[in-house]
Amino acid sequence: MKLAYVISAYKLPEMLVRLVRRLDSPRALFLIHVDRKTEPEVFERMRAPLAGRENVVFLPRHLCHWGDFGHVRATLKGIRHLVDQRIDFRYAILLTGQDYPIKPVAEIERFFLEDTDREFIVFSPMPRDEWKGGGRFGSGGMDRIERWHFRLFGRPVSYPGKAKFDSRLLTWIWAHLNRRFRPKRRFPAGFRPYGGNAYWCLTRECVRHIHDFVSQHRSFVRFFHHVRIPDEIFIQTIVGNSPFAERAAGKDLRFVDWDRERARAAGTRPPAVLDSADLPRLAGSSALFARKFDSTVSAGLLDAIDRELLATECSGAPG
């Protein structure tokens, strides 16, 4: 029985290859989606080093923009592959190309293959207290589902919401529409919205439920095409409205630093990029994985993780 890693990546090919090599084992399967915006040369540097591995599958590519449904679609492609190909897996584990294990593979596999049917996902009913801190989506996340979110002339917009365009006329029309018409989207009937962390580790039974739900509720899926940051709401809502909610462990087994000031200082969106100063915190964490890493910033930390936290498996960086 396998662990199925569904990985979403768009840059840092060496980081992706390193992640796969570190998690590789006879029990591991890797389903990788690479954003279609990724340059062909970068994609080839991801694909070529992993070519010929029977347990690595590159999923059909599509565009992924930050905060849109493309990231959910990539996950659903991985889930569809697992179900359609009748893969015998114990857990599906959603990762990004900037994640890395902080426990040895043997310990990770032992944890999942011996665990008793818990769903490692974090969610709570919306509006969420954790999302009431102000800012653009400070309404407990309800703005994410009650407004229309889409791309217009290549830029993300929210309606109702402010937007500026290159054309003064378009900007005026947009402002006029926002003053006159302020529709509120209604969540699909019969379901309660749940939001939480985007990444999870789910049992085969739960993954099969998600697959069947998506197949049977097309209008539910279409609704999420215009939800902001749906990867923090879509799967969470499906699980939250299912019997699998009772099996939710309330943790996702990940170490993440959500320090916004630290991320902003580094010129990135949260979470913060980890560096060598974070090694003591990683060593003291009970999590199995951490994010996010950038091989141009975190190379020393990644080597230290291999050397000090994964020492039972390696004596240095993976080759």
C-alpha atoms as a PDB file:
ATOM      1  CA  MET A   1       0.000   0.000   0.000  1.00  0.00           C
ATOM      2  CA  LYS A   2       1.362   3.389  -1.032  1.00  0.00           C
ATOM      3  CA  LEU A   3       1.556   7.001   0.072  1.00  0.00           C
ATOM      4  CA  ALA A   4       0.464   9.230  -2.791  1.00  0.00           C
ATOM      5  CA  TYR A   5       2.125  12.652  -2.871  1.00  0.00           C
ATOM      6  CA  VAL A   6       0.200  15.202  -4.967  1.00  0.00           C
ATOM      7  CA  ILE A   7       2.617  18.057  -5.641  1.00  0.00           C
ATOM      8  CA  SER A   8       1.912  21.465  -7.172  1.00  0.00           C
ATOM      9  CA  ALA A   9       4.963  23.338  -8.515  1.00  0.00           C
ATOM     10  CA  TYR A  10       5.775  26.255 -10.760  1.00  0.00           C
ATOM     11  CA  LYS A  11       9.424  27.215 -10.148  1.00  0.00           C
ATOM     12  CA  LEU A  12      12.664  26.103  -8.461  1.00  0.00           C
ATOM     13  CA  PRO A  13      13.206  22.828 -10.374  1.00  0.00           C
ATOM     14  CA  GLU A  14      16.123  21.752  -8.193  1.00  0.00           C
ATOM     15  CA  MET A  15      13.914  22.143  -5.122  1.00  0.00           C
ATOM     16  CA  LEU A  16      11.205  19.935  -6.638  1.00  0.00           C
ATOM     17  CA  VAL A  17      13.682  17.238  -7.674  1.00  0.00           C
ATOM     18  CA  ARG A  18      15.285  17.309  -4.239  1.00  0.00           C
ATOM     19  CA  LEU A  19      11.873  16.920  -2.557  1.00  0.00           C
ATOM     20  CA  VAL A  20      10.957  13.890  -4.682  1.00  0.00           C
ATOM     21  CA  ARG A  21      14.313  12.221  -4.158  1.00  0.00           C
ATOM     22  CA  ARG A  22      14.137  12.740  -0.425  1.00  0.00           C
ATOM     23  CA  LEU A  23      10.645  11.212  -0.134  1.00  0.00           C
ATOM     24  CA  ASP A  24      11.265   8.457  -2.653  1.00  0.00           C
ATOM     25  CA  SER A  25      10.749   4.864  -1.542  1.00  0.00           C
ATOM     26  CA  PRO A  26       9.107   1.670  -2.846  1.00  0.00           C
ATOM     27  CA  ARG A  27       5.910   2.847  -1.127  1.00  0.00           C
ATOM     28  CA  ALA A  28       5.847   6.368  -2.608  1.00  0.00           C
ATOM     29  CA  LEU A  29       3.917   7.619  -5.638  1.00  0.00           C
ATOM     30  CA  PHE A  30       4.347  11.184  -6.934  1.00  0.00           C
ATOM     31  CA  LEU A  31       1.686  13.002  -8.965  1.00  0.00           C
ATOM     32  CA  ILE A  32       3.131  16.343 -10.044  1.00  0.00           C
ATOM     33  CA  HIS A  33       1.351  19.291 -11.606  1.00  0.00           C
ATOM     34  CA  VAL A  34       3.494  22.082 -13.042  1.00  0.00           C
ATOM     35  CA  ASP A  35       1.844  25.411 -13.850  1.00  0.00           C
ATOM     36  CA  ARG A  36       1.516  25.910 -17.601  1.00  0.00           C
ATOM     37  CA  LYS A  37       2.990  29.406 -17.153  1.00  0.00           C
ATOM     38  CA  THR A  38       6.282  27.779 -16.188  1.00  0.00           C
ATOM     39  CA  GLU A  39       8.842  28.282 -18.953  1.00  0.00           C
ATOM     40  CA  PRO A  40       9.589  25.174 -21.056  1.00  0.00           C
ATOM     41  CA  GLU A  41      13.257  25.226 -20.030  1.00  0.00           C
ATOM     42  CA  VAL A  42      12.337  25.290 -16.331  1.00  0.00           C
ATOM     43  CA  PHE A  43       9.768  22.526 -16.812  1.00  0.00           C
ATOM     44  CA  GLU A  44      12.364  20.377 -18.556  1.00  0.00           C
ATOM     45  CA  ARG A  45      14.738  20.830 -15.597  1.00  0.00           C
ATOM     46  CA  MET A  46      11.938  19.424 -13.425  1.00  0.00           C
ATOM     47  CA  ARG A  47      10.992  16.577 -15.727  1.00  0.00           C
ATOM     48  CA  ALA A  48      14.332  15.316 -17.045  1.00  0.00           C
ATOM     49  CA  PRO A  49      15.956  14.317 -13.698  1.00  0.00           C
ATOM     50  CA  LEU A  50      12.799  12.370 -12.755  1.00  0.00           C
ATOM     51  CA  ALA A  51      12.204  10.778 -16.164  1.00  0.00           C
ATOM     52  CA  GLY A  52      12.103   7.010 -16.170  1.00  0.00           C
ATOM     53  CA  ARG A  53      10.882   6.708 -12.586  1.00  0.00           C
ATOM     54  CA  GLU A  54       7.822   4.500 -12.626  1.00  0.00           C
ATOM     55  CA  ASN A  55       6.454   6.135  -9.476  1.00  0.00           C
ATOM     56  CA  VAL A  56       6.534   9.702 -10.869  1.00  0.00           C
ATOM     57  CA  VAL A  57       3.643  10.991 -12.987  1.00  0.00           C
ATOM     58  CA  PHE A  58       3.488  14.493 -14.459  1.00  0.00           C
ATOM     59  CA  LEU A  59      -0.165  15.478 -14.694  1.00  0.00           C
ATOM     60  CA  PRO A  60      -1.612  17.372 -17.707  1.00  0.00           C
ATOM     61  CA  ARG A  61      -0.761  21.030 -17.231  1.00  0.00           C
ATOM     62  CA  HIS A  62      -3.039  24.047 -17.000  1.00  0.00           C
ATOM     63  CA  LEU A  63      -2.684  27.670 -15.926  1.00  0.00           C
ATOM     64  CA  CYS A  64      -2.588  28.460 -12.213  1.00  0.00           C
ATOM     65  CA  HIS A  65      -2.879  32.038 -10.996  1.00  0.00           C
ATOM     66  CA  TRP A  66      -2.435  32.898  -7.348  1.00  0.00           C
ATOM     67  CA  GLY A  67      -5.742  32.785  -5.528  1.00  0.00           C
ATOM     68  CA  ASP A  68      -7.785  31.167  -8.313  1.00  0.00           C
ATOM     69  CA  PHE A  69      -9.321  27.759  -8.981  1.00  0.00           C
ATOM     70  CA  GLY A  70      -6.309  26.482 -10.909  1.00  0.00           C
ATOM     71  CA  HIS A  71      -4.694  25.166  -7.735  1.00  0.00           C
ATOM     72  CA  VAL A  72      -7.830  23.221  -6.807  1.00  0.00           C
ATOM     73  CA  ARG A  73      -8.027  21.874 -10.353  1.00  0.00           C
ATOM     74  CA  ALA A  74      -4.470  20.560 -10.058  1.00  0.00           C
ATOM     75  CA  THR A  75      -5.384  18.747  -6.852  1.00  0.00           C
ATOM     76  CA  LEU A  76      -8.489  17.259  -8.454  1.00  0.00           C
ATOM     77  CA  LYS A  77      -6.387  15.971 -11.357  1.00  0.00           C
ATOM     78  CA  GLY A  78      -4.220  14.125  -8.869  1.00  0.00           C
ATOM     79  CA  ILE A  79      -7.261  12.721  -7.093  1.00  0.00           C
ATOM     80  CA  ARG A  80      -8.829  11.654 -10.394  1.00  0.00           C
ATOM     81  CA  HIS A  81      -5.643   9.813 -11.367  1.00  0.00           C
ATOM     82  CA  LEU A  82      -5.600   7.927  -8.073  1.00  0.00           C
ATOM     83  CA  VAL A  83      -9.225   6.834  -8.401  1.00  0.00           C
ATOM     84  CA  ASP A  84      -9.343   6.170 -12.146  1.00  0.00           C
ATOM     85  CA  GLN A  85      -6.113   4.156 -12.061  1.00  0.00           C
ATOM     86  CA  ARG A  86      -7.329   2.270  -8.978  1.00  0.00           C
ATOM     87  CA  ILE A  87      -4.133   3.018  -7.070  1.00  0.00           C
ATOM     88  CA  ASP A  88      -3.857   1.126  -3.797  1.00  0.00           C
ATOM     89  CA  PHE A  89      -2.816   3.986  -1.506  1.00  0.00           C
ATOM     90  CA  ARG A  90      -3.273   4.562   2.199  1.00  0.00           C
ATOM     91  CA  TYR A  91      -3.043   8.378   2.336  1.00  0.00           C
ATOM     92  CA  ALA A  92      -2.882  11.166  -0.222  1.00  0.00           C
ATOM     93  CA  ILE A  93      -0.590  13.990   0.889  1.00  0.00           C
ATOM     94  CA  LEU A  94      -0.875  17.409  -0.746  1.00  0.00           C
ATOM     95  CA  LEU A  95       2.444  19.273  -1.039  1.00  0.00           C
ATOM     96  CA  THR A  96       3.984  22.118  -2.986  1.00  0.00           C
ATOM     97  CA  GLY A  97       7.328  22.156  -4.719  1.00  0.00           C
ATOM     98  CA  GLN A  98       8.602  24.292  -1.849  1.00  0.00           C
ATOM     99  CA  ASP A  99       7.863  21.755   0.914  1.00  0.00           C
ATOM    100  CA  TYR A 100      10.375  19.389   2.507  1.00  0.00           C
ATOM    101  CA  PRO A 101      10.206  16.573   5.058  1.00  0.00           C
ATOM    102  CA  ILE A 102      11.603  17.201   8.532  1.00  0.00           C
ATOM    103  CA  LYS A 103      11.233  13.587   9.652  1.00  0.00           C
ATOM    104  CA  PRO A 104      12.887  10.540   8.044  1.00  0.00           C
ATOM    105  CA  VAL A 105      10.861   8.794   5.341  1.00  0.00           C
ATOM    106  CA  ALA A 106      10.719   5.598   7.394  1.00  0.00           C
ATOM    107  CA  GLU A 107       9.090   7.538  10.236  1.00  0.00           C
ATOM    108  CA  ILE A 108       6.661   9.295   7.878  1.00  0.00           C
ATOM    109  CA  GLU A 109       5.593   6.015   6.292  1.00  0.00           C
ATOM    110  CA  ARG A 110       5.267   4.281   9.637  1.00  0.00           C
ATOM    111  CA  PHE A 111       3.076   7.128  10.908  1.00  0.00           C
ATOM    112  CA  PHE A 112       0.646   7.010   7.986  1.00  0.00           C
ATOM    113  CA  LEU A 113       0.574   3.282   7.404  1.00  0.00           C
ATOM    114  CA  GLU A 114      -0.050   2.519  11.068  1.00  0.00           C
ATOM    115  CA  ASP A 115      -2.362   5.429  11.927  1.00  0.00           C
ATOM    116  CA  THR A 116      -6.015   4.752  12.606  1.00  0.00           C
ATOM    117  CA  ASP A 117      -8.016   6.476   9.869  1.00  0.00           C
ATOM    118  CA  ARG A 118      -7.653  10.110  10.898  1.00  0.00           C
ATOM    119  CA  GLU A 119      -7.966  12.931   8.385  1.00  0.00           C
ATOM    120  CA  PHE A 120      -5.120  15.399   8.806  1.00  0.00           C
ATOM    121  CA  ILE A 121      -6.785  18.619   7.741  1.00  0.00           C
ATOM    122  CA  VAL A 122      -7.506  21.905   9.514  1.00  0.00           C
ATOM    123  CA  PHE A 123     -10.861  23.624   9.000  1.00  0.00           C
ATOM    124  CA  SER A 124     -13.658  25.365  10.863  1.00  0.00           C
ATOM    125  CA  PRO A 125     -17.048  26.876   9.928  1.00  0.00           C
ATOM    126  CA  MET A 126     -17.078  30.202   8.132  1.00  0.00           C
ATOM    127  CA  PRO A 127     -16.921  32.954   9.071  1.00  0.00           C
ATOM    128  CA  ARG A 128     -13.674  31.872  10.726  1.00  0.00           C
ATOM    129  CA  ASP A 129     -12.323  33.677  13.778  1.00  0.00           C
ATOM    130  CA  GLU A 130      -8.823  33.177  12.342  1.00  0.00           C
ATOM    131  CA  TRP A 131      -9.818  35.244   9.281  1.00  0.00           C
ATOM    132  CA  LYS A 132     -11.350  38.198  11.132  1.00  0.00           C
ATOM    133  CA  GLY A 133      -8.136  40.145  11.537  1.00  0.00           C
ATOM    134  CA  GLY A 134      -9.072  42.903   9.101  1.00  0.00           C
ATOM    135  CA  GLY A 135      -7.657  43.551   5.654  1.00  0.00           C
ATOM    136  CA  ARG A 136      -9.193  42.648   2.341  1.00  0.00           C
ATOM    137  CA  PHE A 137     -10.723  39.407   3.586  1.00  0.00           C
ATOM    138  CA  GLY A 138     -11.262  40.378   7.206  1.00  0.00           C
ATOM    139  CA  SER A 139     -14.922  39.299   7.295  1.00  0.00           C
ATOM    140  CA  GLY A 140     -14.027  35.850   8.511  1.00  0.00           C
ATOM    141  CA  GLY A 141     -13.485  34.921   4.879  1.00  0.00           C
ATOM    142  CA  MET A 142     -17.085  35.523   3.795  1.00  0.00           C
ATOM    143  CA  ASP A 143     -15.979  38.091   1.181  1.00  0.00           C
ATOM    144  CA  ARG A 144     -14.155  35.259  -0.527  1.00  0.00           C
ATOM    145  CA  ILE A 145     -17.400  33.466  -1.316  1.00  0.00           C
ATOM    146  CA  GLU A 146     -19.971  36.284  -1.355  1.00  0.00           C
ATOM    147  CA  ARG A 147     -18.184  38.367  -3.991  1.00  0.00           C
ATOM    148  CA  TRP A 148     -17.405  37.393  -7.575  1.00  0.00           C
ATOM    149  CA  HIS A 149     -13.672  36.820  -8.079  1.00  0.00           C
ATOM    150  CA  PHE A 150     -12.271  36.499 -11.592  1.00  0.00           C
ATOM    151  CA  ARG A 151      -9.588  37.788 -13.936  1.00  0.00           C
ATOM    152  CA  LEU A 152     -10.360  40.731 -16.198  1.00  0.00           C
ATOM    153  CA  PHE A 153      -7.856  41.974 -18.783  1.00  0.00           C
ATOM    154  CA  GLY A 154      -5.237  39.775 -17.152  1.00  0.00           C
ATOM    155  CA  ARG A 155      -5.671  41.062 -13.615  1.00  0.00           C
ATOM    156  CA  PRO A 156      -7.568  39.665 -10.610  1.00  0.00           C
ATOM    157  CA  VAL A 157     -10.677  41.618  -9.641  1.00  0.00           C
ATOM    158  CA  SER A 158     -13.454  41.259  -7.089  1.00  0.00           C
ATOM    159  CA  TYR A 159     -17.036  42.337  -7.679  1.00  0.00           C
ATOM    160  CA  PRO A 160     -18.297  44.276  -5.854  1.00  0.00           C
ATOM    161  CA  GLY A 161     -14.903  45.822  -5.254  1.00  0.00           C
ATOM    162  CA  LYS A 162     -12.575  48.604  -6.356  1.00  0.00           C
ATOM    163  CA  ALA A 163     -10.454  48.221  -9.474  1.00  0.00           C
ATOM    164  CA  LYS A 164      -8.367  50.501 -11.682  1.00  0.00           C
ATOM    165  CA  PHE A 165      -7.846  49.906 -15.380  1.00  0.00           C
ATOM    166  CA  ASP A 166      -5.612  51.485 -17.987  1.00  0.00           C
ATOM    167  CA  SER A 167      -8.706  53.065 -19.488  1.00  0.00           C
ATOM    168  CA  ARG A 168     -10.418  55.847 -17.527  1.00  0.00           C
ATOM    169  CA  LEU A 169     -13.699  54.885 -19.163  1.00  0.00           C
ATOM    170  CA  LEU A 170     -13.429  51.273 -17.949  1.00  0.00           C
ATOM    171  CA  THR A 171     -12.514  52.469 -14.471  1.00  0.00           C
ATOM    172  CA  TRP A 172     -15.565  54.781 -14.444  1.00  0.00           C
ATOM    173  CA  ILE A 173     -17.886  52.018 -15.703  1.00  0.00           C
ATOM    174  CA  TRP A 174     -16.565  49.650 -13.050  1.00  0.00           C
ATOM    175  CA  ALA A 175     -17.092  52.224 -10.279  1.00  0.00           C
ATOM    176  CA  HIS A 176     -20.616  52.933 -11.565  1.00  0.00           C
ATOM    177  CA  LEU A 177     -21.528  49.246 -11.556  1.00  0.00           C
ATOM    178  CA  ASN A 178     -20.213  48.919  -8.011  1.00  0.00           C
ATOM    179  CA  ARG A 179     -22.398  51.820  -6.851  1.00  0.00           C
ATOM    180  CA  ARG A 180     -25.557  50.579  -8.566  1.00  0.00           C
ATOM    181  CA  PHE A 181     -25.326  46.800  -8.305  1.00  0.00           C
ATOM    182  CA  ARG A 182     -23.881  44.994  -5.317  1.00  0.00           C
ATOM    183  CA  PRO A 183     -25.010  41.380  -5.633  1.00  0.00           C
ATOM    184  CA  LYS A 184     -24.127  38.882  -2.919  1.00  0.00           C
ATOM    185  CA  ARG A 185     -23.382  35.362  -4.094  1.00  0.00           C
ATOM    186  CA  ARG A 186     -25.336  32.613  -2.388  1.00  0.00           C
ATOM    187  CA  PHE A 187     -23.438  29.579  -1.235  1.00  0.00           C
ATOM    188  CA  PRO A 188     -24.683  26.288  -2.750  1.00  0.00           C
ATOM    189  CA  ALA A 189     -27.868  25.238  -0.980  1.00  0.00           C
ATOM    190  CA  GLY A 190     -27.619  22.473   1.559  1.00  0.00           C
ATOM    191  CA  PHE A 191     -23.954  23.053   2.381  1.00  0.00           C
ATOM    192  CA  ARG A 192     -22.189  25.026   5.082  1.00  0.00           C
ATOM    193  CA  PRO A 193     -18.915  26.702   4.095  1.00  0.00           C
ATOM    194  CA  TYR A 194     -15.738  25.686   5.896  1.00  0.00           C
ATOM    195  CA  GLY A 195     -12.296  27.229   5.574  1.00  0.00           C
ATOM    196  CA  GLY A 196      -8.859  26.315   6.785  1.00  0.00           C
ATOM    197  CA  ASN A 197      -5.314  25.404   5.823  1.00  0.00           C
ATOM    198  CA  ALA A 198      -4.739  24.621   2.167  1.00  0.00           C
ATOM    199  CA  TYR A 199      -2.612  21.499   2.622  1.00  0.00           C
ATOM    200  CA  TRP A 200      -3.675  18.168   4.064  1.00  0.00           C
ATOM    201  CA  CYS A 201      -3.132  14.401   4.362  1.00  0.00           C
ATOM    202  CA  LEU A 202      -6.318  12.407   3.691  1.00  0.00           C
ATOM    203  CA  THR A 203      -7.192   8.718   3.721  1.00  0.00           C
ATOM    204  CA  ARG A 204      -8.068   6.786   0.587  1.00  0.00           C
ATOM    205  CA  GLU A 205     -11.720   6.629   1.683  1.00  0.00           C
ATOM    206  CA  CYS A 206     -11.928  10.398   2.120  1.00  0.00           C
ATOM    207  CA  VAL A 207     -10.203  11.033  -1.207  1.00  0.00           C
ATOM    208  CA  ARG A 208     -12.661   8.708  -2.927  1.00  0.00           C
ATOM    209  CA  HIS A 209     -15.525  10.622  -1.304  1.00  0.00           C
ATOM    210  CA  ILE A 210     -14.117  13.908  -2.671  1.00  0.00           C
ATOM    211  CA  HIS A 211     -13.819  12.389  -6.141  1.00  0.00           C
ATOM    212  CA  ASP A 212     -17.399  11.104  -6.096  1.00  0.00           C
ATOM    213  CA  PHE A 213     -18.731  14.373  -4.655  1.00  0.00           C
ATOM    214  CA  VAL A 214     -17.093  16.432  -7.393  1.00  0.00           C
ATOM    215  CA  SER A 215     -18.505  14.109 -10.049  1.00  0.00           C
ATOM    216  CA  GLN A 216     -22.027  14.404  -8.639  1.00  0.00           C
ATOM    217  CA  HIS A 217     -22.121  18.140  -7.762  1.00  0.00           C
ATOM    218  CA  ARG A 218     -21.051  20.054 -10.856  1.00  0.00           C
ATOM    219  CA  SER A 219     -22.791  23.267  -9.813  1.00  0.00           C
ATOM    220  CA  PHE A 220     -20.896  23.209  -6.499  1.00  0.00           C
ATOM    221  CA  VAL A 221     -17.616  23.014  -8.422  1.00  0.00           C
ATOM    222  CA  ARG A 222     -18.645  25.813 -10.799  1.00  0.00           C
ATOM    223  CA  PHE A 223     -19.463  28.058  -7.836  1.00  0.00           C
ATOM    224  CA  PHE A 224     -15.857  27.763  -6.661  1.00  0.00           C
ATOM    225  CA  HIS A 225     -14.491  28.921 -10.004  1.00  0.00           C
ATOM    226  CA  HIS A 226     -15.192  32.448  -8.710  1.00  0.00           C
ATOM    227  CA  VAL A 227     -14.160  32.042  -5.060  1.00  0.00           C
ATOM    228  CA  ARG A 228     -11.037  33.819  -3.850  1.00  0.00           C
ATOM    229  CA  ILE A 229      -8.259  31.464  -2.679  1.00  0.00           C
ATOM    230  CA  PRO A 230     -10.536  28.422  -3.044  1.00  0.00           C
ATOM    231  CA  ASP A 231      -7.819  25.948  -2.062  1.00  0.00           C
ATOM    232  CA  GLU A 232      -8.485  27.064   1.539  1.00  0.00           C
ATOM    233  CA  ILE A 233     -12.250  26.441   1.256  1.00  0.00           C
ATOM    234  CA  PHE A 234     -13.130  23.871  -1.431  1.00  0.00           C
ATOM    235  CA  ILE A 235     -11.802  20.575  -0.014  1.00  0.00           C
ATOM    236  CA  GLN A 236     -12.415  21.840   3.512  1.00  0.00           C
ATOM    237  CA  THR A 237     -16.112  22.370   2.755  1.00  0.00           C
ATOM    238  CA  ILE A 238     -16.512  18.952   1.148  1.00  0.00           C
ATOM    239  CA  VAL A 239     -14.904  17.226   4.134  1.00  0.00           C
ATOM    240  CA  GLY A 240     -16.707  19.462   6.648  1.00  0.00           C
ATOM    241  CA  ASN A 241     -20.088  18.485   5.205  1.00  0.00           C
ATOM    242  CA  SER A 242     -19.294  14.762   5.197  1.00  0.00           C
ATOM    243  CA  PRO A 243     -19.041  11.968   7.776  1.00  0.00           C
ATOM    244  CA  PHE A 244     -15.263  12.310   7.498  1.00  0.00           C
ATOM    245  CA  ALA A 245     -15.473  15.549   9.508  1.00  0.00           C
ATOM    246  CA  GLU A 246     -15.698  13.432  12.639  1.00  0.00           C
ATOM    247  CA  ARG A 247     -12.334  11.902  11.785  1.00  0.00           C
ATOM    248  CA  ALA A 248     -10.556  15.244  11.311  1.00  0.00           C
ATOM    249  CA  ALA A 249      -7.489  15.457  13.533  1.00  0.00           C
ATOM    250  CA  GLY A 250      -7.427  19.275  13.626  1.00  0.00           C
ATOM    251  CA  LYS A 251      -3.831  19.401  12.406  1.00  0.00           C
ATOM    252  CA  ASP A 252      -2.129  19.112   9.039  1.00  0.00           C
ATOM    253  CA  LEU A 253       1.301  17.844  10.183  1.00  0.00           C
ATOM    254  CA  ARG A 254       3.117  20.882   8.789  1.00  0.00           C
ATOM    255  CA  PHE A 255       5.453  23.485  10.198  1.00  0.00           C
ATOM    256  CA  VAL A 256       4.667  26.863   8.621  1.00  0.00           C
ATOM    257  CA  ASP A 257       5.779  30.350   9.650  1.00  0.00           C
ATOM    258  CA  TRP A 258       2.932  32.782   8.941  1.00  0.00           C
ATOM    259  CA  ASP A 259       4.922  35.850  10.034  1.00  0.00           C
ATOM    260  CA  ARG A 260       3.632  38.403   7.530  1.00  0.00           C
ATOM    261  CA  GLU A 261       6.264  41.007   8.346  1.00  0.00           C
ATOM    262  CA  ARG A 262       9.033  38.493   7.758  1.00  0.00           C
ATOM    263  CA  ALA A 263       7.522  37.466   4.432  1.00  0.00           C
ATOM    264  CA  ARG A 264       6.996  41.075   3.381  1.00  0.00           C
ATOM    265  CA  ALA A 265      10.596  41.965   4.258  1.00  0.00           C
ATOM    266  CA  ALA A 266      11.751  39.179   1.950  1.00  0.00           C
ATOM    267  CA  GLY A 267       9.458  40.383  -0.831  1.00  0.00           C
ATOM    268  CA  THR A 268       7.184  37.307  -0.809  1.00  0.00           C
ATOM    269  CA  ARG A 269       3.621  36.455   0.134  1.00  0.00           C
ATOM    270  CA  PRO A 270       3.142  34.603   3.421  1.00  0.00           C
ATOM    271  CA  PRO A 271       4.190  32.123   4.596  1.00  0.00           C
ATOM    272  CA  ALA A 272       7.753  33.211   5.235  1.00  0.00           C
ATOM    273  CA  VAL A 273      10.684  31.505   3.508  1.00  0.00           C
ATOM    274  CA  LEU A 274      12.614  29.476   6.077  1.00  0.00           C
ATOM    275  CA  ASP A 275      16.371  29.816   6.544  1.00  0.00           C
ATOM    276  CA  SER A 276      19.153  28.383   8.713  1.00  0.00           C
ATOM    277  CA  ALA A 277      17.970  30.277  11.798  1.00  0.00           C
ATOM    278  CA  ASP A 278      14.818  28.126  11.770  1.00  0.00           C
ATOM    279  CA  LEU A 279      16.615  24.802  12.281  1.00  0.00           C
ATOM    280  CA  PRO A 280      16.064  24.658  16.092  1.00  0.00           C
ATOM    281  CA  ARG A 281      12.328  25.240  15.632  1.00  0.00           C
ATOM    282  CA  LEU A 282      12.127  22.541  12.978  1.00  0.00           C
ATOM    283  CA  ALA A 283      14.072  20.131  15.160  1.00  0.00           C
ATOM    284  CA  GLY A 284      11.642  20.700  18.029  1.00  0.00           C
ATOM    285  CA  SER A 285       8.523  20.374  15.903  1.00  0.00           C
ATOM    286  CA  SER A 286       6.305  17.286  15.850  1.00  0.00           C
ATOM    287  CA  ALA A 287       5.343  18.063  12.232  1.00  0.00           C
ATOM    288  CA  LEU A 288       6.338  15.740   9.405  1.00  0.00           C
ATOM    289  CA  PHE A 289       6.763  18.425   6.732  1.00  0.00           C
ATOM    290  CA  ALA A 290       7.676  22.106   6.595  1.00  0.00           C
ATOM    291  CA  ARG A 291       7.152  24.964   4.162  1.00  0.00           C
ATOM    292  CA  LYS A 292       8.167  27.062   2.540  1.00  0.00           C
ATOM    293  CA  PHE A 293      11.698  26.713   1.275  1.00  0.00           C
ATOM    294  CA  ASP A 294      13.511  28.444  -1.536  1.00  0.00           C
ATOM    295  CA  SER A 295      16.675  26.712  -2.718  1.00  0.00           C
ATOM    296  CA  THR A 296      18.254  30.123  -3.400  1.00  0.00           C
ATOM    297  CA  VAL A 297      17.726  31.151   0.246  1.00  0.00           C
ATOM    298  CA  SER A 298      17.285  27.913   2.167  1.00  0.00           C
ATOM    299  CA  ALA A 299      20.108  25.778   0.727  1.00  0.00           C
ATOM    300  CA  GLY A 300      22.046  25.794   3.996  1.00  0.00           C
ATOM    301  CA  LEU A 301      18.944  24.911   5.973  1.00  0.00           C
ATOM    302  CA  LEU A 302      18.054  22.065   3.605  1.00  0.00           C
ATOM    303  CA  ASP A 303      21.561  20.623   3.966  1.00  0.00           C
ATOM    304  CA  ALA A 304      21.286  20.934   7.750  1.00  0.00           C
ATOM    305  CA  ILE A 305      17.904  19.156   7.721  1.00  0.00           C
ATOM    306  CA  ASP A 306      19.408  16.309   5.714  1.00  0.00           C
ATOM    307  CA  ARG A 307      22.410  16.147   8.001  1.00  0.00           C
ATOM    308  CA  GLU A 308      20.802  16.589  11.406  1.00  0.00           C
ATOM    309  CA  LEU A 309      17.104  15.678  11.133  1.00  0.00           C
ATOM    310  CA  LEU A 310      17.222  13.003   8.447  1.00  0.00           C
ATOM    311  CA  ALA A 311      20.622  11.604   9.362  1.00  0.00           C
ATOM    312  CA  THR A 312      19.324   8.037   9.539  1.00  0.00           C
ATOM    313  CA  GLU A 313      18.719   8.163   5.795  1.00  0.00           C
ATOM    314  CA  CYS A 314      21.538  10.192   4.374  1.00  0.00           C
ATOM    315  CA  SER A 315      24.878  11.794   5.068  1.00  0.00           C
ATOM    316  CA  GLY A 316      24.323  14.846   2.909  1.00  0.00           C
ATOM    317  CA  ALA A 317      22.136  16.423   0.261  1.00  0.00           C
ATOM    318  CA  PRO A 318      20.384  14.017  -2.075  1.00  0.00           C
ATOM    319  CA  GLY A 319      22.161  13.314  -5.308  1.00  0.00           C
END
